[in-house]
Amino acid sequence: MEQQRFVLLTTVGGAWVIRDTRDGSPVCVLFHGGRGMKKTRAMADVMLDALNAAAGRHAQGGKR
Protein backbone atom coordinates (compact mmCIF):
# COMPACT_ATOMS: atom_id res chain seq x y z
CA MET A 1 0.00 0.00 0.00
CA GLU A 2 1.23 3.46 -0.92
CA GLN A 3 2.15 5.88 1.87
CA GLN A 4 -0.31 8.78 1.95
CA ARG A 5 1.12 12.28 2.24
CA PHE A 6 -1.85 13.59 4.25
CA VAL A 7 -3.15 11.60 7.21
CA LEU A 8 -5.91 12.00 9.79
CA LEU A 9 -4.89 11.91 13.46
CA THR A 10 -6.90 12.30 16.66
CA THR A 11 -5.82 14.71 19.39
CA VAL A 12 -6.10 14.09 23.13
CA GLY A 13 -8.99 16.58 23.18
CA GLY A 14 -10.95 14.58 20.60
CA ALA A 15 -10.36 16.85 17.61
CA TRP A 16 -9.09 15.45 14.32
CA VAL A 17 -6.07 16.91 12.58
CA ILE A 18 -5.13 16.45 8.94
CA ARG A 19 -1.34 16.41 9.00
CA ASP A 20 1.18 16.67 6.17
CA THR A 21 3.61 13.77 6.60
CA ARG A 22 6.24 15.59 4.54
CA ASP A 23 6.97 18.17 7.23
CA GLY A 24 4.61 17.22 10.07
CA SER A 25 2.60 20.42 9.85
CA PRO A 26 -1.13 20.50 10.58
CA VAL A 27 -3.23 21.33 7.52
CA CYS A 28 -6.70 21.35 9.05
CA VAL A 29 -8.33 20.80 12.45
CA LEU A 30 -11.82 19.29 12.57
CA PHE A 31 -14.33 19.15 15.42
CA HIS A 32 -17.44 16.99 15.02
CA GLY A 33 -19.62 19.37 17.05
CA GLY A 34 -23.27 19.47 15.99
CA ARG A 35 -22.74 17.53 12.75
CA GLY A 36 -22.02 14.28 14.49
CA MET A 37 -19.02 12.04 14.16
CA LYS A 38 -20.21 10.09 11.08
CA LYS A 39 -20.78 13.18 8.94
CA THR A 40 -17.57 14.83 10.10
CA ARG A 41 -15.57 11.67 9.34
CA ALA A 42 -17.14 11.51 5.86
CA MET A 43 -16.12 15.12 5.26
CA ALA A 44 -12.58 14.42 6.52
CA ASP A 45 -12.31 11.41 4.19
CA VAL A 46 -13.32 13.56 1.20
CA MET A 47 -10.74 16.18 2.19
CA LEU A 48 -8.01 13.53 2.60
CA ASP A 49 -8.83 11.95 -0.78
CA ALA A 50 -8.67 15.35 -2.50
CA LEU A 51 -5.43 16.38 -0.81
CA ASN A 52 -3.70 13.08 -1.50
CA ALA A 53 -4.92 13.01 -5.12
CA ALA A 54 -3.62 16.53 -5.71
CA ALA A 55 -0.29 15.69 -4.07
CA GLY A 56 -0.01 12.60 -6.27
CA ARG A 57 -0.70 14.58 -9.46
CA HIS A 58 1.80 17.24 -8.41
CA ALA A 59 4.47 14.61 -7.67
CA GLN A 60 3.98 13.19 -11.17
CA GLY A 61 4.43 16.63 -12.73
CA GLY A 62 0.73 17.15 -13.36
CA LYS A 63 -1.45 20.20 -13.07
CA ARG A 64 -1.99 21.63 -9.60
PDB file of N, CA and C in Angstrom:
ATOM      1  N   MET A   1       0.843  -1.186   0.000  1.00  0.00           N
ATOM      2  CA  MET A   1       0.000   0.000   0.000  1.00  0.00           C
ATOM      3  C   MET A   1       0.887   1.248   0.000  1.00  0.00           C
ATOM      4  N   GLU A   2       0.472   2.223  -0.767  1.00  0.00           N
ATOM      5  CA  GLU A   2       1.228   3.457  -0.917  1.00  0.00           C
ATOM      6  C   GLU A   2       1.077   4.350   0.323  1.00  0.00           C
ATOM      7  N   GLN A   3       2.173   4.951   0.736  1.00  0.00           N
ATOM      8  CA  GLN A   3       2.152   5.883   1.867  1.00  0.00           C
ATOM      9  C   GLN A   3       1.420   7.156   1.451  1.00  0.00           C
ATOM     10  N   GLN A   4       0.448   7.575   2.237  1.00  0.00           N
ATOM     11  CA  GLN A   4      -0.307   8.784   1.954  1.00  0.00           C
ATOM     12  C   GLN A   4       0.439   9.993   2.514  1.00  0.00           C
ATOM     13  N   ARG A   5       0.453  11.076   1.757  1.00  0.00           N
ATOM     14  CA  ARG A   5       1.125  12.281   2.240  1.00  0.00           C
ATOM     15  C   ARG A   5       0.324  12.940   3.354  1.00  0.00           C
ATOM     16  N   PHE A   6      -0.998  12.961   3.245  1.00  0.00           N
ATOM     17  CA  PHE A   6      -1.852  13.592   4.250  1.00  0.00           C
ATOM     18  C   PHE A   6      -2.582  12.508   5.028  1.00  0.00           C
ATOM     19  N   VAL A   7      -2.537  12.611   6.348  1.00  0.00           N
ATOM     20  CA  VAL A   7      -3.154  11.599   7.214  1.00  0.00           C
ATOM     21  C   VAL A   7      -4.037  12.274   8.254  1.00  0.00           C
ATOM     22  N   LEU A   8      -5.002  11.502   8.769  1.00  0.00           N
ATOM     23  CA  LEU A   8      -5.912  11.997   9.792  1.00  0.00           C
ATOM     24  C   LEU A   8      -5.491  11.435  11.141  1.00  0.00           C
ATOM     25  N   LEU A   9      -5.274  12.306  12.106  1.00  0.00           N
ATOM     26  CA  LEU A   9      -4.886  11.914  13.457  1.00  0.00           C
ATOM     27  C   LEU A   9      -5.895  12.475  14.454  1.00  0.00           C
ATOM     28  N   THR A  10      -6.003  11.831  15.595  1.00  0.00           N
ATOM     29  CA  THR A  10      -6.897  12.296  16.656  1.00  0.00           C
ATOM     30  C   THR A  10      -6.067  12.916  17.775  1.00  0.00           C
ATOM     31  N   THR A  11      -6.512  14.055  18.284  1.00  0.00           N
ATOM     32  CA  THR A  11      -5.819  14.706  19.394  1.00  0.00           C
ATOM     33  C   THR A  11      -6.352  14.176  20.718  1.00  0.00           C
ATOM     34  N   VAL A  12      -5.666  14.483  21.783  1.00  0.00           N
ATOM     35  CA  VAL A  12      -6.097  14.085  23.130  1.00  0.00           C
ATOM     36  C   VAL A  12      -7.466  14.697  23.440  1.00  0.00           C
ATOM     37  N   GLY A  13      -7.730  15.891  22.933  1.00  0.00           N
ATOM     38  CA  GLY A  13      -8.993  16.576  23.184  1.00  0.00           C
ATOM     39  C   GLY A  13     -10.144  16.086  22.324  1.00  0.00           C
ATOM     40  N   GLY A  14      -9.884  15.127  21.433  1.00  0.00           N
ATOM     41  CA  GLY A  14     -10.947  14.584  20.598  1.00  0.00           C
ATOM     42  C   GLY A  14     -11.098  15.230  19.236  1.00  0.00           C
ATOM     43  N   ALA A  15     -10.309  16.234  18.940  1.00  0.00           N
ATOM     44  CA  ALA A  15     -10.358  16.852  17.614  1.00  0.00           C
ATOM     45  C   ALA A  15      -9.579  15.975  16.640  1.00  0.00           C
ATOM     46  N   TRP A  16      -9.842  16.142  15.354  1.00  0.00           N
ATOM     47  CA  TRP A  16      -9.093  15.446  14.319  1.00  0.00           C
ATOM     48  C   TRP A  16      -8.213  16.460  13.605  1.00  0.00           C
ATOM     49  N   VAL A  17      -7.026  16.041  13.266  1.00  0.00           N
ATOM     50  CA  VAL A  17      -6.072  16.911  12.578  1.00  0.00           C
ATOM     51  C   VAL A  17      -5.633  16.220  11.295  1.00  0.00           C
ATOM     52  N   ILE A  18      -5.728  16.937  10.180  1.00  0.00           N
ATOM     53  CA  ILE A  18      -5.129  16.448   8.944  1.00  0.00           C
ATOM     54  C   ILE A  18      -3.709  16.984   8.941  1.00  0.00           C
ATOM     55  N   ARG A  19      -2.751  16.051   8.891  1.00  0.00           N
ATOM     56  CA  ARG A  19      -1.339  16.414   9.003  1.00  0.00           C
ATOM     57  C   ARG A  19      -0.603  16.042   7.730  1.00  0.00           C
ATOM     58  N   ASP A  20       0.308  16.905   7.320  1.00  0.00           N
ATOM     59  CA  ASP A  20       1.178  16.667   6.167  1.00  0.00           C
ATOM     60  C   ASP A  20       2.368  15.849   6.654  1.00  0.00           C
ATOM     61  N   THR A  21       2.519  14.631   6.143  1.00  0.00           N
ATOM     62  CA  THR A  21       3.614  13.766   6.598  1.00  0.00           C
ATOM     63  C   THR A  21       4.969  14.231   6.072  1.00  0.00           C
ATOM     64  N   ARG A  22       4.970  15.099   5.084  1.00  0.00           N
ATOM     65  CA  ARG A  22       6.236  15.594   4.540  1.00  0.00           C
ATOM     66  C   ARG A  22       7.008  16.414   5.573  1.00  0.00           C
ATOM     67  N   ASP A  23       6.284  17.322   6.249  1.00  0.00           N
ATOM     68  CA  ASP A  23       6.969  18.172   7.228  1.00  0.00           C
ATOM     69  C   ASP A  23       6.324  18.133   8.620  1.00  0.00           C
ATOM     70  N   GLY A  24       5.258  17.354   8.776  1.00  0.00           N
ATOM     71  CA  GLY A  24       4.607  17.219  10.075  1.00  0.00           C
ATOM     72  C   GLY A  24       3.654  18.337  10.433  1.00  0.00           C
ATOM     73  N   SER A  25       3.444  19.265   9.524  1.00  0.00           N
ATOM     74  CA  SER A  25       2.600  20.416   9.848  1.00  0.00           C
ATOM     75  C   SER A  25       1.114  20.066   9.788  1.00  0.00           C
ATOM     76  N   PRO A  26       0.320  20.692  10.656  1.00  0.00           N
ATOM     77  CA  PRO A  26      -1.130  20.502  10.584  1.00  0.00           C
ATOM     78  C   PRO A  26      -1.692  21.293   9.407  1.00  0.00           C
ATOM     79  N   VAL A  27      -2.610  20.684   8.681  1.00  0.00           N
ATOM     80  CA  VAL A  27      -3.225  21.333   7.524  1.00  0.00           C
ATOM     81  C   VAL A  27      -4.622  21.824   7.876  1.00  0.00           C
ATOM     82  N   CYS A  28      -5.322  21.037   8.701  1.00  0.00           N
ATOM     83  CA  CYS A  28      -6.700  21.354   9.046  1.00  0.00           C
ATOM     84  C   CYS A  28      -7.042  20.693  10.379  1.00  0.00           C
ATOM     85  N   VAL A  29      -7.845  21.368  11.200  1.00  0.00           N
ATOM     86  CA  VAL A  29      -8.327  20.797  12.453  1.00  0.00           C
ATOM     87  C   VAL A  29      -9.845  20.705  12.339  1.00  0.00           C
ATOM     88  N   LEU A  30     -10.386  19.526  12.685  1.00  0.00           N
ATOM     89  CA  LEU A  30     -11.824  19.290  12.573  1.00  0.00           C
ATOM     90  C   LEU A  30     -12.411  18.926  13.934  1.00  0.00           C
ATOM     91  N   PHE A  31     -13.574  19.491  14.227  1.00  0.00           N
ATOM     92  CA  PHE A  31     -14.332  19.149  15.417  1.00  0.00           C
ATOM     93  C   PHE A  31     -15.678  18.621  14.940  1.00  0.00           C
ATOM     94  N   HIS A  32     -16.171  17.535  15.516  1.00  0.00           N
ATOM     95  CA  HIS A  32     -17.436  16.987  15.018  1.00  0.00           C
ATOM     96  C   HIS A  32     -18.633  17.767  15.506  1.00  0.00           C
ATOM     97  N   GLY A  33     -18.567  18.462  16.585  1.00  0.00           N
ATOM     98  CA  GLY A  33     -19.620  19.365  17.049  1.00  0.00           C
ATOM     99  C   GLY A  33     -21.037  18.893  16.798  1.00  0.00           C
ATOM    100  N   GLY A  34     -21.860  19.758  16.224  1.00  0.00           N
ATOM    101  CA  GLY A  34     -23.274  19.467  15.992  1.00  0.00           C
ATOM    102  C   GLY A  34     -23.538  18.567  14.795  1.00  0.00           C
ATOM    103  N   ARG A  35     -22.549  18.365  13.924  1.00  0.00           N
ATOM    104  CA  ARG A  35     -22.735  17.531  12.745  1.00  0.00           C
ATOM    105  C   ARG A  35     -22.761  16.048  13.077  1.00  0.00           C
ATOM    106  N   GLY A  36     -22.139  15.701  14.155  1.00  0.00           N
ATOM    107  CA  GLY A  36     -22.025  14.282  14.487  1.00  0.00           C
ATOM    108  C   GLY A  36     -20.755  13.686  13.911  1.00  0.00           C
ATOM    109  N   MET A  37     -20.304  12.626  14.527  1.00  0.00           N
ATOM    110  CA  MET A  37     -19.024  12.036  14.157  1.00  0.00           C
ATOM    111  C   MET A  37     -19.038  11.411  12.762  1.00  0.00           C
ATOM    112  N   LYS A  38     -20.151  10.750  12.384  1.00  0.00           N
ATOM    113  CA  LYS A  38     -20.211  10.090  11.082  1.00  0.00           C
ATOM    114  C   LYS A  38     -20.078  11.086   9.931  1.00  0.00           C
ATOM    115  N   LYS A  39     -20.818  12.179  10.007  1.00  0.00           N
ATOM    116  CA  LYS A  39     -20.781  13.184   8.938  1.00  0.00           C
ATOM    117  C   LYS A  39     -19.432  13.893   8.894  1.00  0.00           C
ATOM    118  N   THR A  40     -18.871  14.172  10.061  1.00  0.00           N
ATOM    119  CA  THR A  40     -17.569  14.831  10.104  1.00  0.00           C
ATOM    120  C   THR A  40     -16.490  13.917   9.536  1.00  0.00           C
ATOM    121  N   ARG A  41     -16.550  12.622   9.862  1.00  0.00           N
ATOM    122  CA  ARG A  41     -15.570  11.669   9.337  1.00  0.00           C
ATOM    123  C   ARG A  41     -15.695  11.550   7.822  1.00  0.00           C
ATOM    124  N   ALA A  42     -16.919  11.558   7.309  1.00  0.00           N
ATOM    125  CA  ALA A  42     -17.135  11.505   5.859  1.00  0.00           C
ATOM    126  C   ALA A  42     -16.517  12.728   5.190  1.00  0.00           C
ATOM    127  N   MET A  43     -16.693  13.899   5.803  1.00  0.00           N
ATOM    128  CA  MET A  43     -16.116  15.123   5.259  1.00  0.00           C
ATOM    129  C   MET A  43     -14.587  15.054   5.308  1.00  0.00           C
ATOM    130  N   ALA A  44     -14.032  14.553   6.396  1.00  0.00           N
ATOM    131  CA  ALA A  44     -12.578  14.423   6.525  1.00  0.00           C
ATOM    132  C   ALA A  44     -12.032  13.467   5.472  1.00  0.00           C
ATOM    133  N   ASP A  45     -12.751  12.372   5.208  1.00  0.00           N
ATOM    134  CA  ASP A  45     -12.310  11.414   4.193  1.00  0.00           C
ATOM    135  C   ASP A  45     -12.283  12.038   2.800  1.00  0.00           C
ATOM    136  N   VAL A  46     -13.288  12.859   2.494  1.00  0.00           N
ATOM    137  CA  VAL A  46     -13.318  13.557   1.200  1.00  0.00           C
ATOM    138  C   VAL A  46     -12.130  14.509   1.100  1.00  0.00           C
ATOM    139  N   MET A  47     -11.861  15.238   2.176  1.00  0.00           N
ATOM    140  CA  MET A  47     -10.737  16.175   2.188  1.00  0.00           C
ATOM    141  C   MET A  47      -9.410  15.437   2.006  1.00  0.00           C
ATOM    142  N   LEU A  48      -9.239  14.315   2.720  1.00  0.00           N
ATOM    143  CA  LEU A  48      -8.014  13.531   2.597  1.00  0.00           C
ATOM    144  C   LEU A  48      -7.832  12.997   1.183  1.00  0.00           C
ATOM    145  N   ASP A  49      -8.909  12.471   0.592  1.00  0.00           N
ATOM    146  CA  ASP A  49      -8.829  11.952  -0.778  1.00  0.00           C
ATOM    147  C   ASP A  49      -8.404  13.045  -1.749  1.00  0.00           C
ATOM    148  N   ALA A  50      -9.004  14.235  -1.600  1.00  0.00           N
ATOM    149  CA  ALA A  50      -8.675  15.345  -2.499  1.00  0.00           C
ATOM    150  C   ALA A  50      -7.229  15.809  -2.315  1.00  0.00           C
ATOM    151  N   LEU A  51      -6.799  15.956  -1.078  1.00  0.00           N
ATOM    152  CA  LEU A  51      -5.427  16.384  -0.807  1.00  0.00           C
ATOM    153  C   LEU A  51      -4.406  15.380  -1.334  1.00  0.00           C
ATOM    154  N   ASN A  52      -4.639  14.101  -1.058  1.00  0.00           N
ATOM    155  CA  ASN A  52      -3.699  13.077  -1.501  1.00  0.00           C
ATOM    156  C   ASN A  52      -3.695  12.916  -3.022  1.00  0.00           C
ATOM    157  N   ALA A  53      -4.854  13.067  -3.659  1.00  0.00           N
ATOM    158  CA  ALA A  53      -4.915  13.005  -5.123  1.00  0.00           C
ATOM    159  C   ALA A  53      -4.147  14.172  -5.740  1.00  0.00           C
ATOM    160  N   ALA A  54      -4.335  15.362  -5.194  1.00  0.00           N
ATOM    161  CA  ALA A  54      -3.620  16.532  -5.707  1.00  0.00           C
ATOM    162  C   ALA A  54      -2.115  16.398  -5.493  1.00  0.00           C
ATOM    163  N   ALA A  55      -1.721  15.880  -4.344  1.00  0.00           N
ATOM    164  CA  ALA A  55      -0.292  15.686  -4.073  1.00  0.00           C
ATOM    165  C   ALA A  55       0.294  14.657  -5.030  1.00  0.00           C
ATOM    166  N   GLY A  56      -0.471  13.616  -5.333  1.00  0.00           N
ATOM    167  CA  GLY A  56      -0.007  12.596  -6.273  1.00  0.00           C
ATOM    168  C   GLY A  56       0.156  13.157  -7.680  1.00  0.00           C
ATOM    169  N   ARG A  57      -0.794  13.964  -8.115  1.00  0.00           N
ATOM    170  CA  ARG A  57      -0.699  14.583  -9.456  1.00  0.00           C
ATOM    171  C   ARG A  57       0.499  15.520  -9.510  1.00  0.00           C
ATOM    172  N   HIS A  58       0.687  16.290  -8.460  1.00  0.00           N
ATOM    173  CA  HIS A  58       1.801  17.240  -8.413  1.00  0.00           C
ATOM    174  C   HIS A  58       3.141  16.501  -8.444  1.00  0.00           C
ATOM    175  N   ALA A  59       3.229  15.398  -7.724  1.00  0.00           N
ATOM    176  CA  ALA A  59       4.466  14.614  -7.668  1.00  0.00           C
ATOM    177  C   ALA A  59       4.795  14.019  -9.040  1.00  0.00           C
ATOM    178  N   GLN A  60       3.764  13.762  -9.842  1.00  0.00           N
ATOM    179  CA  GLN A  60       3.976  13.188 -11.167  1.00  0.00           C
ATOM    180  C   GLN A  60       4.144  14.278 -12.229  1.00  0.00           C
ATOM    181  N   GLY A  61       4.229  15.528 -11.796  1.00  0.00           N
ATOM    182  CA  GLY A  61       4.430  16.631 -12.735  1.00  0.00           C
ATOM    183  C   GLY A  61       3.147  17.117 -13.382  1.00  0.00           C
ATOM    184  N   GLY A  62       2.024  16.756 -12.805  1.00  0.00           N
ATOM    185  CA  GLY A  62       0.729  17.152 -13.356  1.00  0.00           C
ATOM    186  C   GLY A  62       0.310  18.538 -12.940  1.00  0.00           C
ATOM    187  N   LYS A  63      -0.880  18.899 -13.388  1.00  0.00           N
ATOM    188  CA  LYS A  63      -1.445  20.197 -13.074  1.00  0.00           C
ATOM    189  C   LYS A  63      -1.832  20.289 -11.610  1.00  0.00           C
ATOM    190  N   ARG A  64      -1.607  21.418 -10.997  1.00  0.00           N
ATOM    191  CA  ARG A  64      -1.995  21.633  -9.596  1.00  0.00           C
ATOM    192  C   ARG A  64      -3.459  21.849  -9.456  1.00  0.00           C
TER     193      ARG A  64
END
